[in-house]
Amino acid sequence: MHRAEGPGALPPGIPAQVRAALEEDIGPGDVTARLIPPGQQARARVISREAATLCGVAWFNESFAQIDPAVHVEWQARDGDPVAAGATLCTVAGPARALLTGERTALNFLQLLSGTATAARLHADAVAGTRCRILDTRKTVPGLRLAQKYAVRCGGASNHRLGLHDMVLIKENHIAAAGSIAAAIRMARQLSPGVPVEVEVESLAELELALAEAPDIIMLDELSLEDMREAVARRDRSGSAARLEASGGISLATLREVALTGVDFVSVGSLTKHVHAVDLSMRLEFSAA
């Protein structure tokens, strides 16, 4: 969790993700591409119509590779690079039918993941110079979680837990079922030794209860700025190693104020949930067969 040292290695499963997307789009065959003579060749440029942070190169390449290995893609930018409006991202050349068949799937991956990376970059830049790091959440597109979390890292933000398996995150309902914050944390330590434990609190009183049990992270759910500052002060006075994560009701406009309270993290579900797909264009030029 909290992977922030650049995008790192590509996530596993890209060929399977692309295969499923192509099967969904092409089905038994691209009936419109039959209008193009089989031997026709074409070239295309992919252009960004808006400023963005690029992400999704491997998914774009894989889309065409699965359709026709004869397609050649040449990139002018890499994952994580800022691109300007009007910039050419890559050129694509090969059989025209393959280019037309793969265009939508390839662009869908590139637009979505670049949109995620762009949002992450905006949020990461907003807290630059503070101790705070931006975290994503599990509010991701089904089937594309690892892809979107890679995009978050390309944008300079960090990953929270990948799923339900790599961190215990105790929220209100878990606390109610366990009987108390203390009981929930103790049970988590007993049942999942070695697994990081985070607990959500909704007040300074609950913060004190959590600090006494030494969780790895305490989530401050919708606390005011004043209470966040006080939570940081109380954590520091206690000598606790617990890190503090602000969450809930935080917008890009208020993000820096929250970061300046001294919290360690701000988790932002909109990075992967409210994705604005980057506006990309791919125009083909046909050559003689």
Protein backbone atom coordinates (compact mmCIF):
# COMPACT_ATOMS: atom_id res chain seq x y z
CA MET A 1 0.00 0.00 0.00
CA HIS A 2 0.97 3.64 -0.36
CA ARG A 3 3.06 3.04 -3.48
CA ALA A 4 4.38 6.44 -4.51
CA GLU A 5 7.84 6.01 -6.00
CA GLY A 6 6.79 6.63 -9.61
CA PRO A 7 4.41 4.35 -11.48
CA GLY A 8 6.56 1.27 -11.00
CA ALA A 9 6.06 -1.92 -12.98
CA LEU A 10 3.03 -2.41 -15.17
CA PRO A 11 0.22 -4.32 -13.43
CA PRO A 12 -0.44 -7.93 -14.42
CA GLY A 13 -3.40 -8.89 -16.55
CA ILE A 14 -3.13 -6.38 -19.39
CA PRO A 15 -3.49 -9.00 -22.19
CA ALA A 16 -6.59 -10.45 -20.52
CA GLN A 17 -8.15 -6.99 -20.00
CA VAL A 18 -7.56 -6.10 -23.64
CA ARG A 19 -8.82 -9.46 -24.86
CA ALA A 20 -12.08 -9.03 -22.96
CA ALA A 21 -12.53 -5.48 -24.27
CA LEU A 22 -11.91 -6.55 -27.87
CA GLU A 23 -14.29 -9.50 -27.59
CA GLU A 24 -16.94 -7.15 -26.20
CA ASP A 25 -16.48 -4.72 -29.10
CA ILE A 26 -15.76 -6.97 -32.08
CA GLY A 27 -17.89 -10.01 -31.26
CA PRO A 28 -17.90 -12.42 -34.23
CA GLY A 29 -16.33 -9.79 -36.51
CA ASP A 30 -16.09 -6.12 -37.51
CA VAL A 31 -18.70 -5.89 -40.26
CA THR A 32 -17.93 -2.24 -41.04
CA ALA A 33 -14.21 -2.85 -41.58
CA ARG A 34 -15.16 -5.19 -44.43
CA LEU A 35 -15.77 -2.07 -46.49
CA ILE A 36 -11.99 -1.58 -46.60
CA PRO A 37 -9.99 -3.64 -49.17
CA PRO A 38 -7.98 -6.36 -47.36
CA GLY A 39 -4.61 -5.07 -48.55
CA GLN A 40 -5.19 -1.41 -47.80
CA GLN A 41 -2.57 0.24 -45.61
CA ALA A 42 -3.05 3.31 -43.42
CA ARG A 43 -1.32 5.64 -41.00
CA ALA A 44 -2.81 7.60 -38.15
CA ARG A 45 -1.84 10.13 -35.50
CA VAL A 46 -3.32 10.15 -32.02
CA ILE A 47 -3.72 13.73 -30.82
CA SER A 48 -4.69 15.02 -27.40
CA ARG A 49 -7.26 17.79 -27.62
CA GLU A 50 -6.55 18.93 -24.06
CA ALA A 51 -3.65 19.17 -21.63
CA ALA A 52 -3.28 15.90 -19.74
CA THR A 53 -0.99 13.38 -18.06
CA LEU A 54 -0.49 10.40 -20.34
CA CYS A 55 -1.23 6.85 -19.20
CA GLY A 56 -2.22 3.65 -20.97
CA VAL A 57 0.54 3.10 -23.53
CA ALA A 58 0.77 -0.66 -22.86
CA TRP A 59 -3.01 -1.15 -23.18
CA PHE A 60 -3.07 0.83 -26.44
CA ASN A 61 -0.19 -1.21 -27.88
CA GLU A 62 -1.73 -4.50 -26.75
CA SER A 63 -5.05 -3.65 -28.40
CA PHE A 64 -3.46 -3.48 -31.84
CA ALA A 65 -1.02 -6.32 -31.20
CA GLN A 66 -3.90 -8.73 -30.53
CA ILE A 67 -5.74 -7.65 -33.67
CA ASP A 68 -2.76 -7.69 -36.05
CA PRO A 69 0.93 -7.89 -35.07
CA ALA A 70 1.74 -6.04 -38.31
CA VAL A 71 0.48 -2.78 -36.76
CA HIS A 72 3.36 -0.55 -35.66
CA VAL A 73 2.96 2.12 -32.94
CA GLU A 74 5.57 4.81 -32.39
CA TRP A 75 5.21 6.98 -29.27
CA GLN A 76 6.28 10.57 -28.71
CA ALA A 77 5.46 10.45 -24.98
CA ARG A 78 5.56 7.95 -22.11
CA ASP A 79 3.23 7.09 -19.24
CA GLY A 80 3.38 9.87 -16.68
CA ASP A 81 4.46 12.56 -19.15
CA PRO A 82 2.53 15.84 -19.31
CA VAL A 83 1.12 16.47 -22.79
CA ALA A 84 -0.20 19.73 -24.20
CA ALA A 85 -3.43 20.31 -26.08
CA GLY A 86 -2.81 19.55 -29.74
CA ALA A 87 0.19 17.32 -29.04
CA THR A 88 0.74 14.18 -31.10
CA LEU A 89 0.98 11.25 -28.69
CA CYS A 90 1.83 8.53 -31.18
CA THR A 91 1.63 7.42 -34.79
CA VAL A 92 0.08 4.12 -35.83
CA ALA A 93 0.73 2.35 -39.14
CA GLY A 94 -0.38 -0.93 -40.64
CA PRO A 95 -3.32 -2.69 -42.28
CA ALA A 96 -6.23 -0.25 -42.45
CA ARG A 97 -8.76 -2.82 -41.32
CA ALA A 98 -6.78 -3.51 -38.13
CA LEU A 99 -6.42 0.19 -37.38
CA LEU A 100 -10.15 0.80 -37.75
CA THR A 101 -11.11 -2.28 -35.74
CA GLY A 102 -8.77 -1.52 -32.86
CA GLU A 103 -9.23 2.25 -32.74
CA ARG A 104 -12.07 2.44 -30.22
CA THR A 105 -10.78 -0.13 -27.76
CA ALA A 106 -7.25 1.30 -27.82
CA LEU A 107 -8.51 4.85 -27.32
CA ASN A 108 -10.94 3.80 -24.58
CA PHE A 109 -8.06 2.48 -22.48
CA LEU A 110 -5.86 5.49 -23.24
CA GLN A 111 -8.59 8.06 -22.53
CA LEU A 112 -9.72 6.46 -19.27
CA LEU A 113 -6.28 5.87 -17.82
CA SER A 114 -4.98 9.27 -18.92
CA GLY A 115 -8.03 10.81 -17.29
CA THR A 116 -7.23 9.04 -14.04
CA ALA A 117 -3.56 10.07 -14.21
CA THR A 118 -4.51 13.66 -14.99
CA ALA A 119 -6.83 13.87 -11.96
CA ALA A 120 -4.12 12.36 -9.77
CA ARG A 121 -1.60 14.93 -11.00
CA LEU A 122 -3.95 17.83 -10.24
CA HIS A 123 -4.45 16.59 -6.69
CA ALA A 124 -0.78 15.76 -6.12
CA ASP A 125 0.24 19.22 -7.32
CA ALA A 126 -2.30 20.81 -4.96
CA VAL A 127 -0.47 19.42 -1.91
CA ALA A 128 3.08 19.91 -3.21
CA GLY A 129 5.42 21.19 -0.51
CA THR A 130 3.41 19.71 2.36
CA ARG A 131 3.96 16.43 4.20
CA CYS A 132 0.68 15.12 2.81
CA ARG A 133 0.24 12.46 0.14
CA ILE A 134 -2.85 11.80 -1.97
CA LEU A 135 -4.34 8.30 -1.84
CA ASP A 136 -6.84 6.62 -4.13
CA THR A 137 -9.61 4.28 -2.91
CA ARG A 138 -11.40 1.08 -3.98
CA LYS A 139 -13.97 3.14 -5.92
CA THR A 140 -12.68 1.93 -9.27
CA VAL A 141 -14.08 0.73 -12.60
CA PRO A 142 -14.86 -2.99 -12.13
CA GLY A 143 -12.16 -5.14 -13.69
CA LEU A 144 -9.73 -2.23 -14.12
CA ARG A 145 -8.65 -1.58 -10.53
CA LEU A 146 -4.98 -2.38 -11.00
CA ALA A 147 -4.93 -0.39 -14.25
CA GLN A 148 -6.43 2.67 -12.57
CA LYS A 149 -4.16 2.37 -9.55
CA TYR A 150 -1.19 2.29 -11.94
CA ALA A 151 -2.60 5.45 -13.54
CA VAL A 152 -2.85 7.10 -10.11
CA ARG A 153 0.86 6.46 -9.61
CA CYS A 154 1.61 7.84 -13.08
CA GLY A 155 -0.07 11.04 -11.92
CA GLY A 156 2.13 11.34 -8.85
CA ALA A 157 -0.38 10.19 -6.22
CA SER A 158 -0.24 6.99 -4.15
CA ASN A 159 -2.26 3.82 -3.75
CA HIS A 160 -4.31 2.95 -0.68
CA ARG A 161 -5.07 -0.74 -0.19
CA LEU A 162 -5.47 -2.72 -3.40
CA GLY A 163 -8.43 -4.69 -2.12
CA LEU A 164 -9.97 -6.38 0.87
CA HIS A 165 -6.96 -8.67 1.29
CA ASP A 166 -4.00 -6.38 2.02
CA MET A 167 -5.25 -4.14 4.84
CA VAL A 168 -7.81 -4.27 7.63
CA LEU A 169 -9.92 -1.11 7.35
CA ILE A 170 -12.28 -0.85 10.31
CA LYS A 171 -15.28 1.39 9.70
CA GLU A 172 -18.45 2.27 11.57
CA ASN A 173 -20.28 -0.98 10.84
CA HIS A 174 -17.29 -3.10 11.84
CA ILE A 175 -16.97 -1.17 15.11
CA ALA A 176 -20.68 -1.68 15.83
CA ALA A 177 -20.38 -5.41 15.18
CA ALA A 178 -17.24 -5.76 17.32
CA GLY A 179 -18.67 -3.68 20.15
CA SER A 180 -16.02 -0.96 20.34
CA ILE A 181 -13.04 0.57 18.57
CA ALA A 182 -10.67 -1.19 20.95
CA ALA A 183 -12.31 -4.58 20.46
CA ALA A 184 -12.27 -4.23 16.68
CA ILE A 185 -8.56 -3.32 16.55
CA ARG A 186 -7.57 -6.09 18.94
CA MET A 187 -9.56 -8.64 16.99
CA ALA A 188 -8.00 -7.49 13.73
CA ARG A 189 -4.49 -7.91 15.17
CA GLN A 190 -5.38 -11.39 16.41
CA LEU A 191 -7.08 -12.63 13.24
CA SER A 192 -4.72 -11.04 10.69
CA PRO A 193 -1.25 -10.78 12.25
CA GLY A 194 1.19 -8.74 10.18
CA VAL A 195 -1.54 -7.08 8.13
CA PRO A 196 -1.74 -3.26 8.45
CA VAL A 197 -4.73 -2.02 10.45
CA GLU A 198 -6.59 1.23 9.82
CA VAL A 199 -9.58 2.47 11.80
CA GLU A 200 -12.07 5.21 10.98
CA VAL A 201 -13.00 7.78 13.64
CA GLU A 202 -15.67 10.46 13.51
CA SER A 203 -14.66 12.61 16.49
CA LEU A 204 -11.72 13.58 18.68
CA ALA A 205 -13.11 11.36 21.42
CA GLU A 206 -12.96 8.37 19.10
CA LEU A 207 -9.45 9.43 18.06
CA GLU A 208 -8.29 9.06 21.66
CA LEU A 209 -9.76 5.56 21.83
CA ALA A 210 -8.00 4.62 18.59
CA LEU A 211 -4.64 6.06 19.62
CA ALA A 212 -4.68 3.90 22.73
CA GLU A 213 -4.77 0.76 20.55
CA ALA A 214 -1.88 1.78 18.23
CA PRO A 215 -3.35 1.13 14.77
CA ASP A 216 -1.15 1.81 11.76
CA ILE A 217 -3.46 4.48 10.33
CA ILE A 218 -6.39 6.45 11.71
CA MET A 219 -8.90 7.80 9.20
CA LEU A 220 -10.43 11.15 10.19
CA ASP A 221 -13.87 10.96 8.62
CA GLU A 222 -15.36 14.38 7.81
CA LEU A 223 -13.66 16.21 10.66
CA SER A 224 -13.46 20.00 10.51
CA LEU A 225 -10.14 21.68 9.76
CA GLU A 226 -9.88 22.72 13.39
CA ASP A 227 -10.44 19.17 14.58
CA MET A 228 -7.93 17.84 12.05
CA ARG A 229 -5.27 20.20 13.42
CA GLU A 230 -6.14 19.12 16.95
CA ALA A 231 -5.99 15.45 15.91
CA VAL A 232 -2.48 15.95 14.56
CA ALA A 233 -1.44 17.72 17.78
CA ARG A 234 -2.88 14.97 19.96
CA ARG A 235 -1.23 12.24 17.90
CA ASP A 236 2.13 14.02 18.14
CA ARG A 237 1.82 14.63 21.88
CA SER A 238 0.98 10.98 22.46
CA GLY A 239 4.13 9.80 20.70
CA SER A 240 2.00 7.48 18.55
CA ALA A 241 3.41 6.23 15.24
CA ALA A 242 -0.08 6.11 13.75
CA ARG A 243 -0.47 8.08 10.55
CA LEU A 244 -3.54 10.23 10.00
CA GLU A 245 -5.69 10.11 6.87
CA ALA A 246 -8.32 12.73 6.12
CA SER A 247 -11.36 11.59 4.18
CA GLY A 248 -14.84 12.74 3.23
CA GLY A 249 -16.17 16.02 1.89
CA ILE A 250 -12.79 17.18 0.55
CA SER A 251 -12.67 18.88 -2.85
CA LEU A 252 -9.79 20.05 -4.98
CA ALA A 253 -10.58 23.60 -3.82
CA THR A 254 -10.20 22.69 -0.13
CA LEU A 255 -7.48 20.09 -0.49
CA ARG A 256 -4.48 22.26 0.31
CA GLU A 257 -6.12 23.61 3.47
CA VAL A 258 -6.61 20.04 4.62
CA ALA A 259 -3.02 19.11 3.77
CA LEU A 260 -1.72 22.06 5.79
CA THR A 261 -3.37 20.71 8.96
CA GLY A 262 -0.49 18.24 9.12
CA VAL A 263 -2.32 15.03 8.19
CA ASP A 264 -0.23 12.40 6.44
CA PHE A 265 -2.73 11.41 3.77
CA VAL A 266 -5.90 12.55 2.05
CA SER A 267 -7.91 9.82 0.34
CA VAL A 268 -9.85 10.92 -2.75
CA GLY A 269 -12.39 8.54 -4.27
CA SER A 270 -13.03 10.79 -7.27
CA LEU A 271 -9.58 10.03 -8.71
CA THR A 272 -10.89 6.71 -10.00
CA LYS A 273 -14.65 7.12 -9.66
CA HIS A 274 -15.45 10.46 -11.34
CA VAL A 275 -13.11 10.07 -14.29
CA HIS A 276 -13.09 12.70 -17.03
CA ALA A 277 -11.79 10.78 -20.04
CA VAL A 278 -9.15 12.80 -21.87
CA ASP A 279 -10.36 13.97 -25.30
CA LEU A 280 -8.24 12.15 -27.89
CA SER A 281 -8.53 11.97 -31.65
CA MET A 282 -7.22 9.36 -34.09
CA ARG A 283 -7.44 10.27 -37.80
CA LEU A 284 -6.44 7.83 -40.51
CA GLU A 285 -4.71 8.52 -43.82
CA PHE A 286 -5.09 5.75 -46.37
CA SER A 287 -2.39 4.67 -48.81
CA ALA A 288 -2.56 2.51 -51.90
CA ALA A 289 -2.97 -1.22 -51.41
